[in-house]
């Protein structure tokens, strides 16, 4: 079913980030009302893929992953984008949801969330 396929695509994406990320990827707590910098990059990549902007998807992924891993991650992001779109969930991100921590200097967030690396 689509729910399992979405979970598998997310698992594939995060597994790839776990072994290949350029730096620790920060995912905020589940109860956080803001979107953290790395979360925003992932959401924007899914949104770009829903809009068939593959070059933008790749550029966003390359900010987290080396080029070869980013190219590999596109398949997972494309599956996520397709399944969300098919379920009627177009991806968007409003300015109110972005984190004040988005512009924080590197290293400033390591102690403020769950890291995947």
PDB file of N, CA and C in Angstrom:
ATOM      1  N   UNK A   1       0.826  -1.192   0.000  1.00  0.00           N
ATOM      2  CA  UNK A   1       0.000   0.000   0.000  1.00  0.00           C
ATOM      3  C   UNK A   1       0.872   1.258   0.000  1.00  0.00           C
ATOM      4  N   UNK A   2       0.265   2.400  -0.281  1.00  0.00           N
ATOM      5  CA  UNK A   2       1.022   3.647  -0.415  1.00  0.00           C
ATOM      6  C   UNK A   2       1.703   4.080   0.883  1.00  0.00           C
ATOM      7  N   UNK A   3       1.058   3.818   2.020  1.00  0.00           N
ATOM      8  CA  UNK A   3       1.668   4.188   3.298  1.00  0.00           C
ATOM      9  C   UNK A   3       2.979   3.464   3.538  1.00  0.00           C
ATOM     10  N   UNK A   4       3.005   2.188   3.231  1.00  0.00           N
ATOM     11  CA  UNK A   4       4.235   1.403   3.384  1.00  0.00           C
ATOM     12  C   UNK A   4       5.292   1.833   2.374  1.00  0.00           C
ATOM     13  N   UNK A   5       4.846   2.132   1.172  1.00  0.00           N
ATOM     14  CA  UNK A   5       5.785   2.588   0.151  1.00  0.00           C
ATOM     15  C   UNK A   5       6.409   3.921   0.548  1.00  0.00           C
ATOM     16  N   UNK A   6       5.602   4.812   1.128  1.00  0.00           N
ATOM     17  CA  UNK A   6       6.119   6.103   1.591  1.00  0.00           C
ATOM     18  C   UNK A   6       7.108   5.901   2.731  1.00  0.00           C
ATOM     19  N   UNK A   7       6.757   5.036   3.675  1.00  0.00           N
ATOM     20  CA  UNK A   7       7.662   4.750   4.787  1.00  0.00           C
ATOM     21  C   UNK A   7       8.981   4.164   4.279  1.00  0.00           C
ATOM     22  N   UNK A   8       8.911   3.291   3.296  1.00  0.00           N
ATOM     23  CA  UNK A   8      10.124   2.692   2.730  1.00  0.00           C
ATOM     24  C   UNK A   8      10.982   3.734   2.024  1.00  0.00           C
ATOM     25  N   UNK A   9      10.350   4.645   1.292  1.00  0.00           N
ATOM     26  CA  UNK A   9      11.100   5.699   0.599  1.00  0.00           C
ATOM     27  C   UNK A   9      11.774   6.634   1.602  1.00  0.00           C
ATOM     28  N   UNK A  10      11.054   6.986   2.670  1.00  0.00           N
ATOM     29  CA  UNK A  10      11.652   7.818   3.715  1.00  0.00           C
ATOM     30  C   UNK A  10      12.810   7.085   4.381  1.00  0.00           C
ATOM     31  N   UNK A  11      12.631   5.796   4.661  1.00  0.00           N
ATOM     32  CA  UNK A  11      13.691   5.003   5.262  1.00  0.00           C
ATOM     33  C   UNK A  11      14.916   4.956   4.356  1.00  0.00           C
ATOM     34  N   UNK A  12      14.699   4.764   3.058  1.00  0.00           N
ATOM     35  CA  UNK A  12      15.811   4.744   2.103  1.00  0.00           C
ATOM     36  C   UNK A  12      16.562   6.074   2.103  1.00  0.00           C
ATOM     37  N   UNK A  13      15.813   7.177   2.105  1.00  0.00           N
ATOM     38  CA  UNK A  13      16.438   8.500   2.091  1.00  0.00           C
ATOM     39  C   UNK A  13      17.259   8.732   3.345  1.00  0.00           C
ATOM     40  N   UNK A  14      16.676   8.432   4.504  1.00  0.00           N
ATOM     41  CA  UNK A  14      17.396   8.667   5.750  1.00  0.00           C
ATOM     42  C   UNK A  14      18.551   7.697   5.942  1.00  0.00           C
ATOM     43  N   UNK A  15      18.432   6.475   5.449  1.00  0.00           N
ATOM     44  CA  UNK A  15      19.545   5.533   5.507  1.00  0.00           C
ATOM     45  C   UNK A  15      20.719   6.043   4.675  1.00  0.00           C
ATOM     46  N   UNK A  16      20.428   6.572   3.502  1.00  0.00           N
ATOM     47  CA  UNK A  16      21.478   7.136   2.662  1.00  0.00           C
ATOM     48  C   UNK A  16      22.134   8.339   3.344  1.00  0.00           C
ATOM     49  N   UNK A  17      21.314   9.195   3.938  1.00  0.00           N
ATOM     50  CA  UNK A  17      21.878  10.349   4.648  1.00  0.00           C
ATOM     51  C   UNK A  17      22.706   9.904   5.849  1.00  0.00           C
ATOM     52  N   UNK A  18      22.308   8.827   6.474  1.00  0.00           N
ATOM     53  CA  UNK A  18      23.027   8.328   7.640  1.00  0.00           C
ATOM     54  C   UNK A  18      24.455   7.925   7.300  1.00  0.00           C
ATOM     55  N   UNK A  19      24.662   7.378   6.110  1.00  0.00           N
ATOM     56  CA  UNK A  19      26.003   6.910   5.746  1.00  0.00           C
ATOM     57  C   UNK A  19      26.783   7.899   4.888  1.00  0.00           C
ATOM     58  N   UNK A  20      26.110   8.855   4.254  1.00  0.00           N
ATOM     59  CA  UNK A  20      26.815   9.687   3.278  1.00  0.00           C
ATOM     60  C   UNK A  20      26.752  11.186   3.523  1.00  0.00           C
ATOM     61  N   UNK A  21      26.049  11.633   4.541  1.00  0.00           N
ATOM     62  CA  UNK A  21      25.879  13.081   4.741  1.00  0.00           C
ATOM     63  C   UNK A  21      27.222  13.786   4.877  1.00  0.00           C
ATOM     64  N   UNK A  22      27.270  14.987   4.317  1.00  0.00           N
ATOM     65  CA  UNK A  22      28.472  15.821   4.402  1.00  0.00           C
ATOM     66  C   UNK A  22      28.761  16.253   5.834  1.00  0.00           C
ATOM     67  N   UNK A  23      27.708  16.309   6.646  1.00  0.00           N
ATOM     68  CA  UNK A  23      27.799  16.789   8.032  1.00  0.00           C
ATOM     69  C   UNK A  23      26.605  16.193   8.773  1.00  0.00           C
ATOM     70  N   UNK A  24      26.554  16.323  10.089  1.00  0.00           N
ATOM     71  CA  UNK A  24      25.365  15.825  10.785  1.00  0.00           C
ATOM     72  C   UNK A  24      24.111  16.530  10.261  1.00  0.00           C
ATOM     73  N   UNK A  25      23.100  15.746   9.959  1.00  0.00           N
ATOM     74  CA  UNK A  25      21.819  16.273   9.493  1.00  0.00           C
ATOM     75  C   UNK A  25      20.928  16.428  10.721  1.00  0.00           C
ATOM     76  N   UNK A  26      20.408  17.616  10.908  1.00  0.00           N
ATOM     77  CA  UNK A  26      19.650  17.901  12.113  1.00  0.00           C
ATOM     78  C   UNK A  26      18.155  17.883  11.818  1.00  0.00           C
ATOM     79  N   UNK A  27      17.478  17.004  12.539  1.00  0.00           N
ATOM     80  CA  UNK A  27      16.029  16.885  12.474  1.00  0.00           C
ATOM     81  C   UNK A  27      15.518  17.273  13.860  1.00  0.00           C
ATOM     82  N   UNK A  28      14.681  18.278  13.914  1.00  0.00           N
ATOM     83  CA  UNK A  28      14.190  18.768  15.196  1.00  0.00           C
ATOM     84  C   UNK A  28      13.249  17.797  15.879  1.00  0.00           C
ATOM     85  N   UNK A  29      12.931  18.073  17.126  1.00  0.00           N
ATOM     86  CA  UNK A  29      12.004  17.215  17.868  1.00  0.00           C
ATOM     87  C   UNK A  29      10.630  17.160  17.197  1.00  0.00           C
ATOM     88  N   UNK A  30       9.944  16.054  17.368  1.00  0.00           N
ATOM     89  CA  UNK A  30       8.634  15.866  16.739  1.00  0.00           C
ATOM     90  C   UNK A  30       7.623  16.922  17.178  1.00  0.00           C
ATOM     91  N   UNK A  31       7.746  17.423  18.384  1.00  0.00           N
ATOM     92  CA  UNK A  31       6.771  18.405  18.880  1.00  0.00           C
ATOM     93  C   UNK A  31       7.171  19.849  18.589  1.00  0.00           C
ATOM     94  N   UNK A  32       8.230  20.049  17.822  1.00  0.00           N
ATOM     95  CA  UNK A  32       8.682  21.400  17.473  1.00  0.00           C
ATOM     96  C   UNK A  32       7.765  21.981  16.403  1.00  0.00           C
ATOM     97  N   UNK A  33       7.332  23.220  16.602  1.00  0.00           N
ATOM     98  CA  UNK A  33       6.415  23.854  15.651  1.00  0.00           C
ATOM     99  C   UNK A  33       7.150  24.506  14.488  1.00  0.00           C
ATOM    100  N   UNK A  34       8.445  24.529  14.524  1.00  0.00           N
ATOM    101  CA  UNK A  34       9.246  25.134  13.468  1.00  0.00           C
ATOM    102  C   UNK A  34       9.909  24.061  12.616  1.00  0.00           C
ATOM    103  N   UNK A  35      10.241  24.410  11.416  1.00  0.00           N
ATOM    104  CA  UNK A  35      10.982  23.524  10.532  1.00  0.00           C
ATOM    105  C   UNK A  35      12.450  23.908  10.622  1.00  0.00           C
ATOM    106  N   UNK A  36      13.289  22.954  10.921  1.00  0.00           N
ATOM    107  CA  UNK A  36      14.718  23.212  11.063  1.00  0.00           C
ATOM    108  C   UNK A  36      15.371  23.297   9.685  1.00  0.00           C
ATOM    109  N   UNK A  37      16.564  23.835   9.643  1.00  0.00           N
ATOM    110  CA  UNK A  37      17.263  24.097   8.380  1.00  0.00           C
ATOM    111  C   UNK A  37      17.344  22.860   7.491  1.00  0.00           C
ATOM    112  N   UNK A  38      17.809  21.747   8.053  1.00  0.00           N
ATOM    113  CA  UNK A  38      17.955  20.540   7.239  1.00  0.00           C
ATOM    114  C   UNK A  38      16.602  19.961   6.850  1.00  0.00           C
ATOM    115  N   UNK A  39      15.634  20.056   7.738  1.00  0.00           N
ATOM    116  CA  UNK A  39      14.272  19.631   7.395  1.00  0.00           C
ATOM    117  C   UNK A  39      13.752  20.454   6.223  1.00  0.00           C
ATOM    118  N   UNK A  40      14.023  21.743   6.258  1.00  0.00           N
ATOM    119  CA  UNK A  40      13.577  22.624   5.178  1.00  0.00           C
ATOM    120  C   UNK A  40      14.200  22.217   3.846  1.00  0.00           C
ATOM    121  N   UNK A  41      15.475  21.864   3.863  1.00  0.00           N
ATOM    122  CA  UNK A  41      16.129  21.433   2.630  1.00  0.00           C
ATOM    123  C   UNK A  41      15.466  20.182   2.057  1.00  0.00           C
ATOM    124  N   UNK A  42      15.119  19.248   2.937  1.00  0.00           N
ATOM    125  CA  UNK A  42      14.475  18.016   2.489  1.00  0.00           C
ATOM    126  C   UNK A  42      13.073  18.312   1.952  1.00  0.00           C
ATOM    127  N   UNK A  43      12.310  19.125   2.671  1.00  0.00           N
ATOM    128  CA  UNK A  43      10.958  19.477   2.223  1.00  0.00           C
ATOM    129  C   UNK A  43      11.014  20.212   0.890  1.00  0.00           C
ATOM    130  N   UNK A  44      11.955  21.126   0.754  1.00  0.00           N
ATOM    131  CA  UNK A  44      12.087  21.853  -0.517  1.00  0.00           C
ATOM    132  C   UNK A  44      12.465  20.922  -1.660  1.00  0.00           C
ATOM    133  N   UNK A  45      13.296  19.908  -1.378  1.00  0.00           N
ATOM    134  CA  UNK A  45      13.663  18.936  -2.414  1.00  0.00           C
ATOM    135  C   UNK A  45      12.431  18.145  -2.858  1.00  0.00           C
ATOM    136  N   UNK A  46      11.598  17.731  -1.904  1.00  0.00           N
ATOM    137  CA  UNK A  46      10.363  17.005  -2.254  1.00  0.00           C
ATOM    138  C   UNK A  46       9.437  17.922  -3.049  1.00  0.00           C
ATOM    139  N   UNK A  47       9.313  19.163  -2.610  1.00  0.00           N
ATOM    140  CA  UNK A  47       8.460  20.122  -3.323  1.00  0.00           C
ATOM    141  C   UNK A  47       8.972  20.343  -4.751  1.00  0.00           C
ATOM    142  N   UNK A  48      10.276  20.511  -4.903  1.00  0.00           N
ATOM    143  CA  UNK A  48      10.847  20.711  -6.238  1.00  0.00           C
ATOM    144  C   UNK A  48      10.558  19.505  -7.126  1.00  0.00           C
ATOM    145  N   UNK A  49      10.646  18.318  -6.561  1.00  0.00           N
ATOM    146  CA  UNK A  49      10.373  17.116  -7.351  1.00  0.00           C
ATOM    147  C   UNK A  49       8.897  17.040  -7.729  1.00  0.00           C
ATOM    148  N   UNK A  50       8.000  17.477  -6.842  1.00  0.00           N
ATOM    149  CA  UNK A  50       6.576  17.510  -7.197  1.00  0.00           C
ATOM    150  C   UNK A  50       6.313  18.471  -8.349  1.00  0.00           C
ATOM    151  N   UNK A  51       7.153  19.483  -8.488  1.00  0.00           N
ATOM    152  CA  UNK A  51       7.001  20.466  -9.564  1.00  0.00           C
ATOM    153  C   UNK A  51       7.911  20.163 -10.758  1.00  0.00           C
ATOM    154  N   UNK A  52       8.469  18.960 -10.767  1.00  0.00           N
ATOM    155  CA  UNK A  52       9.310  18.487 -11.872  1.00  0.00           C
ATOM    156  C   UNK A  52      10.516  19.391 -12.104  1.00  0.00           C
ATOM    157  N   UNK A  53      11.100  19.881 -11.017  1.00  0.00           N
ATOM    158  CA  UNK A  53      12.296  20.723 -11.081  1.00  0.00           C
ATOM    159  C   UNK A  53      13.495  19.901 -10.611  1.00  0.00           C
ATOM    160  N   UNK A  54      13.882  18.941 -11.426  1.00  0.00           N
ATOM    161  CA  UNK A  54      14.924  17.988 -11.036  1.00  0.00           C
ATOM    162  C   UNK A  54      16.264  18.637 -10.741  1.00  0.00           C
ATOM    163  N   UNK A  55      16.613  19.680 -11.461  1.00  0.00           N
ATOM    164  CA  UNK A  55      17.888  20.359 -11.206  1.00  0.00           C
ATOM    165  C   UNK A  55      17.895  20.988  -9.808  1.00  0.00           C
ATOM    166  N   UNK A  56      16.769  21.580  -9.420  1.00  0.00           N
ATOM    167  CA  UNK A  56      16.660  22.160  -8.078  1.00  0.00           C
ATOM    168  C   UNK A  56      16.684  21.061  -7.020  1.00  0.00           C
ATOM    169  N   UNK A  57      15.992  19.958  -7.285  1.00  0.00           N
ATOM    170  CA  UNK A  57      16.013  18.824  -6.353  1.00  0.00           C
ATOM    171  C   UNK A  57      17.445  18.382  -6.111  1.00  0.00           C
ATOM    172  N   UNK A  58      18.196  18.203  -7.178  1.00  0.00           N
ATOM    173  CA  UNK A  58      19.589  17.769  -7.061  1.00  0.00           C
ATOM    174  C   UNK A  58      20.420  18.791  -6.294  1.00  0.00           C
ATOM    175  N   UNK A  59      20.265  20.057  -6.582  1.00  0.00           N
ATOM    176  CA  UNK A  59      21.034  21.100  -5.891  1.00  0.00           C
ATOM    177  C   UNK A  59      20.739  21.095  -4.388  1.00  0.00           C
ATOM    178  N   UNK A  60      19.479  20.940  -4.025  1.00  0.00           N
ATOM    179  CA  UNK A  60      19.115  20.905  -2.606  1.00  0.00           C
ATOM    180  C   UNK A  60      19.709  19.682  -1.925  1.00  0.00           C
ATOM    181  N   UNK A  61      19.636  18.537  -2.590  1.00  0.00           N
ATOM    182  CA  UNK A  61      20.215  17.328  -2.005  1.00  0.00           C
ATOM    183  C   UNK A  61      21.732  17.416  -1.887  1.00  0.00           C
ATOM    184  N   UNK A  62      22.360  18.083  -2.855  1.00  0.00           N
ATOM    185  CA  UNK A  62      23.820  18.223  -2.804  1.00  0.00           C
ATOM    186  C   UNK A  62      24.285  19.137  -1.672  1.00  0.00           C
ATOM    187  N   UNK A  63      23.380  19.905  -1.083  1.00  0.00           N
ATOM    188  CA  UNK A  63      23.766  20.700   0.080  1.00  0.00           C
ATOM    189  C   UNK A  63      23.880  19.813   1.328  1.00  0.00           C
ATOM    190  N   UNK A  64      23.327  18.609   1.250  1.00  0.00           N
ATOM    191  CA  UNK A  64      23.406  17.655   2.355  1.00  0.00           C
ATOM    192  C   UNK A  64      24.309  16.464   2.057  1.00  0.00           C
ATOM    193  N   UNK A  65      24.403  16.110   0.790  1.00  0.00           N
ATOM    194  CA  UNK A  65      25.076  14.880   0.385  1.00  0.00           C
ATOM    195  C   UNK A  65      26.116  15.143  -0.701  1.00  0.00           C
ATOM    196  N   UNK A  66      27.139  14.307  -0.795  1.00  0.00           N
ATOM    197  CA  UNK A  66      28.041  14.382  -1.946  1.00  0.00           C
ATOM    198  C   UNK A  66      27.259  14.124  -3.235  1.00  0.00           C
ATOM    199  N   UNK A  67      27.796  14.567  -4.347  1.00  0.00           N
ATOM    200  CA  UNK A  67      27.075  14.514  -5.626  1.00  0.00           C
ATOM    201  C   UNK A  67      26.546  13.121  -5.970  1.00  0.00           C
ATOM    202  N   UNK A  68      27.367  12.087  -5.828  1.00  0.00           N
ATOM    203  CA  UNK A  68      26.920  10.735  -6.180  1.00  0.00           C
ATOM    204  C   UNK A  68      25.771  10.276  -5.282  1.00  0.00           C
ATOM    205  N   UNK A  69      25.869  10.559  -4.000  1.00  0.00           N
ATOM    206  CA  UNK A  69      24.799  10.180  -3.067  1.00  0.00           C
ATOM    207  C   UNK A  69      23.535  10.992  -3.337  1.00  0.00           C
ATOM    208  N   UNK A  70      23.696  12.263  -3.694  1.00  0.00           N
ATOM    209  CA  UNK A  70      22.536  13.104  -4.015  1.00  0.00           C
ATOM    210  C   UNK A  70      21.806  12.554  -5.233  1.00  0.00           C
ATOM    211  N   UNK A  71      22.569  12.121  -6.243  1.00  0.00           N
ATOM    212  CA  UNK A  71      21.933  11.530  -7.431  1.00  0.00           C
ATOM    213  C   UNK A  71      21.177  10.252  -7.060  1.00  0.00           C
ATOM    214  N   UNK A  72      21.732   9.468  -6.157  1.00  0.00           N
ATOM    215  CA  UNK A  72      21.070   8.254  -5.701  1.00  0.00           C
ATOM    216  C   UNK A  72      19.811   8.593  -4.894  1.00  0.00           C
ATOM    217  N   UNK A  73      19.860   9.658  -4.105  1.00  0.00           N
ATOM    218  CA  UNK A  73      18.734  10.060  -3.252  1.00  0.00           C
ATOM    219  C   UNK A  73      17.540  10.559  -4.058  1.00  0.00           C
ATOM    220  N   UNK A  74      17.777  11.005  -5.284  1.00  0.00           N
ATOM    221  CA  UNK A  74      16.681  11.524  -6.105  1.00  0.00           C
ATOM    222  C   UNK A  74      15.573  10.483  -6.272  1.00  0.00           C
ATOM    223  N   UNK A  75      15.933   9.217  -6.380  1.00  0.00           N
ATOM    224  CA  UNK A  75      14.910   8.179  -6.549  1.00  0.00           C
ATOM    225  C   UNK A  75      13.981   8.134  -5.341  1.00  0.00           C
ATOM    226  N   UNK A  76      14.539   8.214  -4.146  1.00  0.00           N
ATOM    227  CA  UNK A  76      13.711   8.204  -2.932  1.00  0.00           C
ATOM    228  C   UNK A  76      12.855   9.463  -2.850  1.00  0.00           C
ATOM    229  N   UNK A  77      13.458  10.600  -3.138  1.00  0.00           N
ATOM    230  CA  UNK A  77      12.716  11.866  -3.083  1.00  0.00           C
ATOM    231  C   UNK A  77      11.601  11.864  -4.117  1.00  0.00           C
ATOM    232  N   UNK A  78      11.867  11.318  -5.288  1.00  0.00           N
ATOM    233  CA  UNK A  78      10.830  11.245  -6.326  1.00  0.00           C
ATOM    234  C   UNK A  78       9.677  10.354  -5.873  1.00  0.00           C
ATOM    235  N   UNK A  79       9.986   9.227  -5.229  1.00  0.00           N
ATOM    236  CA  UNK A  79       8.915   8.354  -4.723  1.00  0.00           C
ATOM    237  C   UNK A  79       8.101   9.061  -3.651  1.00  0.00           C
ATOM    238  N   UNK A  80       8.793   9.745  -2.731  1.00  0.00           N
ATOM    239  CA  UNK A  80       8.096  10.492  -1.672  1.00  0.00           C
ATOM    240  C   UNK A  80       7.185  11.541  -2.294  1.00  0.00           C
ATOM    241  N   UNK A  81       7.717  12.316  -3.230  1.00  0.00           N
ATOM    242  CA  UNK A  81       6.946  13.381  -3.880  1.00  0.00           C
ATOM    243  C   UNK A  81       5.722  12.807  -4.593  1.00  0.00           C
ATOM    244  N   UNK A  82       5.924  11.730  -5.331  1.00  0.00           N
ATOM    245  CA  UNK A  82       4.831  11.119  -6.087  1.00  0.00           C
ATOM    246  C   UNK A  82       3.745  10.583  -5.151  1.00  0.00           C
ATOM    247  N   UNK A  83       4.144   9.873  -4.106  1.00  0.00           N
ATOM    248  CA  UNK A  83       3.159   9.280  -3.204  1.00  0.00           C
ATOM    249  C   UNK A  83       2.377  10.341  -2.435  1.00  0.00           C
ATOM    250  N   UNK A  84       3.061  11.404  -2.004  1.00  0.00           N
ATOM    251  CA  UNK A  84       2.354  12.491  -1.320  1.00  0.00           C
ATOM    252  C   UNK A  84       1.387  13.191  -2.269  1.00  0.00           C
ATOM    253  N   UNK A  85       1.845  13.422  -3.500  1.00  0.00           N
ATOM    254  CA  UNK A  85       0.998  14.075  -4.492  1.00  0.00           C
ATOM    255  C   UNK A  85      -0.221  13.220  -4.813  1.00  0.00           C
ATOM    256  N   UNK A  86      -0.004  11.932  -4.992  1.00  0.00           N
ATOM    257  CA  UNK A  86      -1.107  11.028  -5.302  1.00  0.00           C
ATOM    258  C   UNK A  86      -2.134  10.961  -4.169  1.00  0.00           C
ATOM    259  N   UNK A  87      -1.646  11.142  -2.937  1.00  0.00           N
ATOM    260  CA  UNK A  87      -2.547  11.126  -1.785  1.00  0.00           C
ATOM    261  C   UNK A  87      -3.234  12.472  -1.573  1.00  0.00           C
ATOM    262  N   UNK A  88      -2.896  13.448  -2.421  1.00  0.00           N
ATOM    263  CA  UNK A  88      -3.521  14.761  -2.314  1.00  0.00           C
ATOM    264  C   UNK A  88      -2.808  15.708  -1.366  1.00  0.00           C
ATOM    265  N   UNK A  89      -1.508  15.485  -1.148  1.00  0.00           N
ATOM    266  CA  UNK A  89      -0.728  16.336  -0.255  1.00  0.00           C
ATOM    267  C   UNK A  89       0.392  17.042  -1.019  1.00  0.00           C
ATOM    268  N   UNK A  90       0.066  18.148  -1.691  1.00  0.00           N
ATOM    269  CA  UNK A  90       1.149  18.918  -2.307  1.00  0.00           C
ATOM    270  C   UNK A  90       2.014  19.513  -1.198  1.00  0.00           C
ATOM    271  N   UNK A  91       3.301  19.496  -1.397  1.00  0.00           N
ATOM    272  CA  UNK A  91       4.229  19.966  -0.368  1.00  0.00           C
ATOM    273  C   UNK A  91       4.443  21.457  -0.510  1.00  0.00           C
ATOM    274  N   UNK A  92       4.333  22.151   0.603  1.00  0.00           N
ATOM    275  CA  UNK A  92       4.626  23.585   0.627  1.00  0.00           C
ATOM    276  C   UNK A  92       5.330  23.899   1.931  1.00  0.00           C
ATOM    277  N   UNK A  93       5.884  25.069   2.002  1.00  0.00           N
ATOM    278  CA  UNK A  93       6.585  25.516   3.200  1.00  0.00           C
ATOM    279  C   UNK A  93       6.383  27.013   3.299  1.00  0.00           C
ATOM    280  N   UNK A  94       5.727  27.447   4.364  1.00  0.00           N
ATOM    281  CA  UNK A  94       5.479  28.878   4.527  1.00  0.00           C
ATOM    282  C   UNK A  94       6.579  29.516   5.355  1.00  0.00           C
ATOM    283  N   UNK A  95       6.707  30.815   5.240  1.00  0.00           N
ATOM    284  CA  UNK A  95       7.719  31.545   6.000  1.00  0.00           C
ATOM    285  C   UNK A  95       7.507  31.386   7.497  1.00  0.00           C
ATOM    286  N   UNK A  96       6.264  31.237   7.937  1.00  0.00           N
ATOM    287  CA  UNK A  96       5.975  31.070   9.360  1.00  0.00           C
ATOM    288  C   UNK A  96       6.514  29.765   9.920  1.00  0.00           C
ATOM    289  N   UNK A  97       6.711  28.775   9.047  1.00  0.00           N
ATOM    290  CA  UNK A  97       7.162  27.468   9.494  1.00  0.00           C
ATOM    291  C   UNK A  97       8.674  27.336   9.536  1.00  0.00           C
ATOM    292  N   UNK A  98       9.376  28.218   8.871  1.00  0.00           N
ATOM    293  CA  UNK A  98      10.825  28.089   8.836  1.00  0.00           C
ATOM    294  C   UNK A  98      11.404  28.510  10.173  1.00  0.00           C
ATOM    295  N   UNK A  99      12.513  27.922  10.485  1.00  0.00           N
ATOM    296  CA  UNK A  99      13.111  28.117  11.796  1.00  0.00           C
ATOM    297  C   UNK A  99      13.938  29.393  11.863  1.00  0.00           C
ATOM    298  N   UNK A 100      13.886  30.046  13.025  1.00  0.00           N
ATOM    299  CA  UNK A 100      14.788  31.165  13.264  1.00  0.00           C
ATOM    300  C   UNK A 100      16.229  30.675  13.269  1.00  0.00           C
ATOM    301  N   UNK A 101      16.394  29.390  13.521  1.00  0.00           N
ATOM    302  CA  UNK A 101      17.728  28.803  13.571  1.00  0.00           C
ATOM    303  C   UNK A 101      18.282  28.516  12.182  1.00  0.00           C
ATOM    304  N   UNK A 102      17.505  28.770  11.140  1.00  0.00           N
ATOM    305  CA  UNK A 102      17.928  28.468   9.773  1.00  0.00           C
ATOM    306  C   UNK A 102      19.273  29.101   9.447  1.00  0.00           C
ATOM    307  N   UNK A 103      19.482  30.339   9.902  1.00  0.00           N
ATOM    308  CA  UNK A 103      20.711  31.047   9.566  1.00  0.00           C
ATOM    309  C   UNK A 103      21.794  30.882  10.624  1.00  0.00           C
ATOM    310  N   UNK A 104      21.586  29.979  11.577  1.00  0.00           N
ATOM    311  CA  UNK A 104      22.580  29.783  12.631  1.00  0.00           C
ATOM    312  C   UNK A 104      23.892  29.308  12.027  1.00  0.00           C
ATOM    313  N   UNK A 105      25.012  29.721  12.640  1.00  0.00           N
ATOM    314  CA  UNK A 105      26.310  29.298  12.117  1.00  0.00           C
ATOM    315  C   UNK A 105      26.487  27.790  12.255  1.00  0.00           C
ATOM    316  N   UNK A 106      27.314  27.191  11.403  1.00  0.00           N
ATOM    317  CA  UNK A 106      27.550  25.751  11.492  1.00  0.00           C
ATOM    318  C   UNK A 106      27.983  25.369  12.900  1.00  0.00           C
ATOM    319  N   UNK A 107      27.467  24.269  13.377  1.00  0.00           N
ATOM    320  CA  UNK A 107      27.827  23.787  14.709  1.00  0.00           C
ATOM    321  C   UNK A 107      26.947  24.318  15.818  1.00  0.00           C
ATOM    322  N   UNK A 108      26.190  25.357  15.550  1.00  0.00           N
ATOM    323  CA  UNK A 108      25.381  25.980  16.601  1.00  0.00           C
ATOM    324  C   UNK A 108      24.174  25.139  16.980  1.00  0.00           C
ATOM    325  N   UNK A 109      23.758  24.227  16.101  1.00  0.00           N
ATOM    326  CA  UNK A 109      22.533  23.468  16.355  1.00  0.00           C
ATOM    327  C   UNK A 109      22.780  22.049  16.807  1.00  0.00           C
ATOM    328  N   UNK A 110      24.008  21.591  16.828  1.00  0.00           N
ATOM    329  CA  UNK A 110      24.259  20.194  17.115  1.00  0.00           C
ATOM    330  C   UNK A 110      23.637  19.719  18.418  1.00  0.00           C
ATOM    331  N   UNK A 111      23.528  20.580  19.400  1.00  0.00           N
ATOM    332  CA  UNK A 111      22.964  20.147  20.674  1.00  0.00           C
ATOM    333  C   UNK A 111      21.473  20.447  20.781  1.00  0.00           C
ATOM    334  N   UNK A 112      20.847  20.897  19.702  1.00  0.00           N
ATOM    335  CA  UNK A 112      19.444  21.334  19.768  1.00  0.00           C
ATOM    336  C   UNK A 112      18.491  20.406  19.023  1.00  0.00           C
ATOM    337  N   UNK A 113      18.840  19.211  18.767  1.00  0.00           N
ATOM    338  CA  UNK A 113      17.930  18.324  18.073  1.00  0.00           C
ATOM    339  C   UNK A 113      18.535  16.957  17.871  1.00  0.00           C
ATOM    340  N   UNK A 114      17.782  16.087  17.280  1.00  0.00           N
ATOM    341  CA  UNK A 114      18.267  14.760  16.973  1.00  0.00           C
ATOM    342  C   UNK A 114      19.123  14.857  15.725  1.00  0.00           C
ATOM    343  N   UNK A 115      20.284  14.278  15.750  1.00  0.00           N
ATOM    344  CA  UNK A 115      21.118  14.311  14.558  1.00  0.00           C
ATOM    345  C   UNK A 115      21.081  12.947  13.886  1.00  0.00           C
ATOM    346  N   UNK A 116      21.153  12.981  12.604  1.00  0.00           N
ATOM    347  CA  UNK A 116      21.238  11.743  11.816  1.00  0.00           C
ATOM    348  C   UNK A 116      22.577  11.795  11.121  1.00  0.00           C
ATOM    349  N   UNK A 117      23.424  10.870  11.442  1.00  0.00           N
ATOM    350  CA  UNK A 117      24.731  10.805  10.784  1.00  0.00           C
ATOM    351  C   UNK A 117      25.360   9.467  11.045  1.00  0.00           C
TER     352      UNK A 117
END
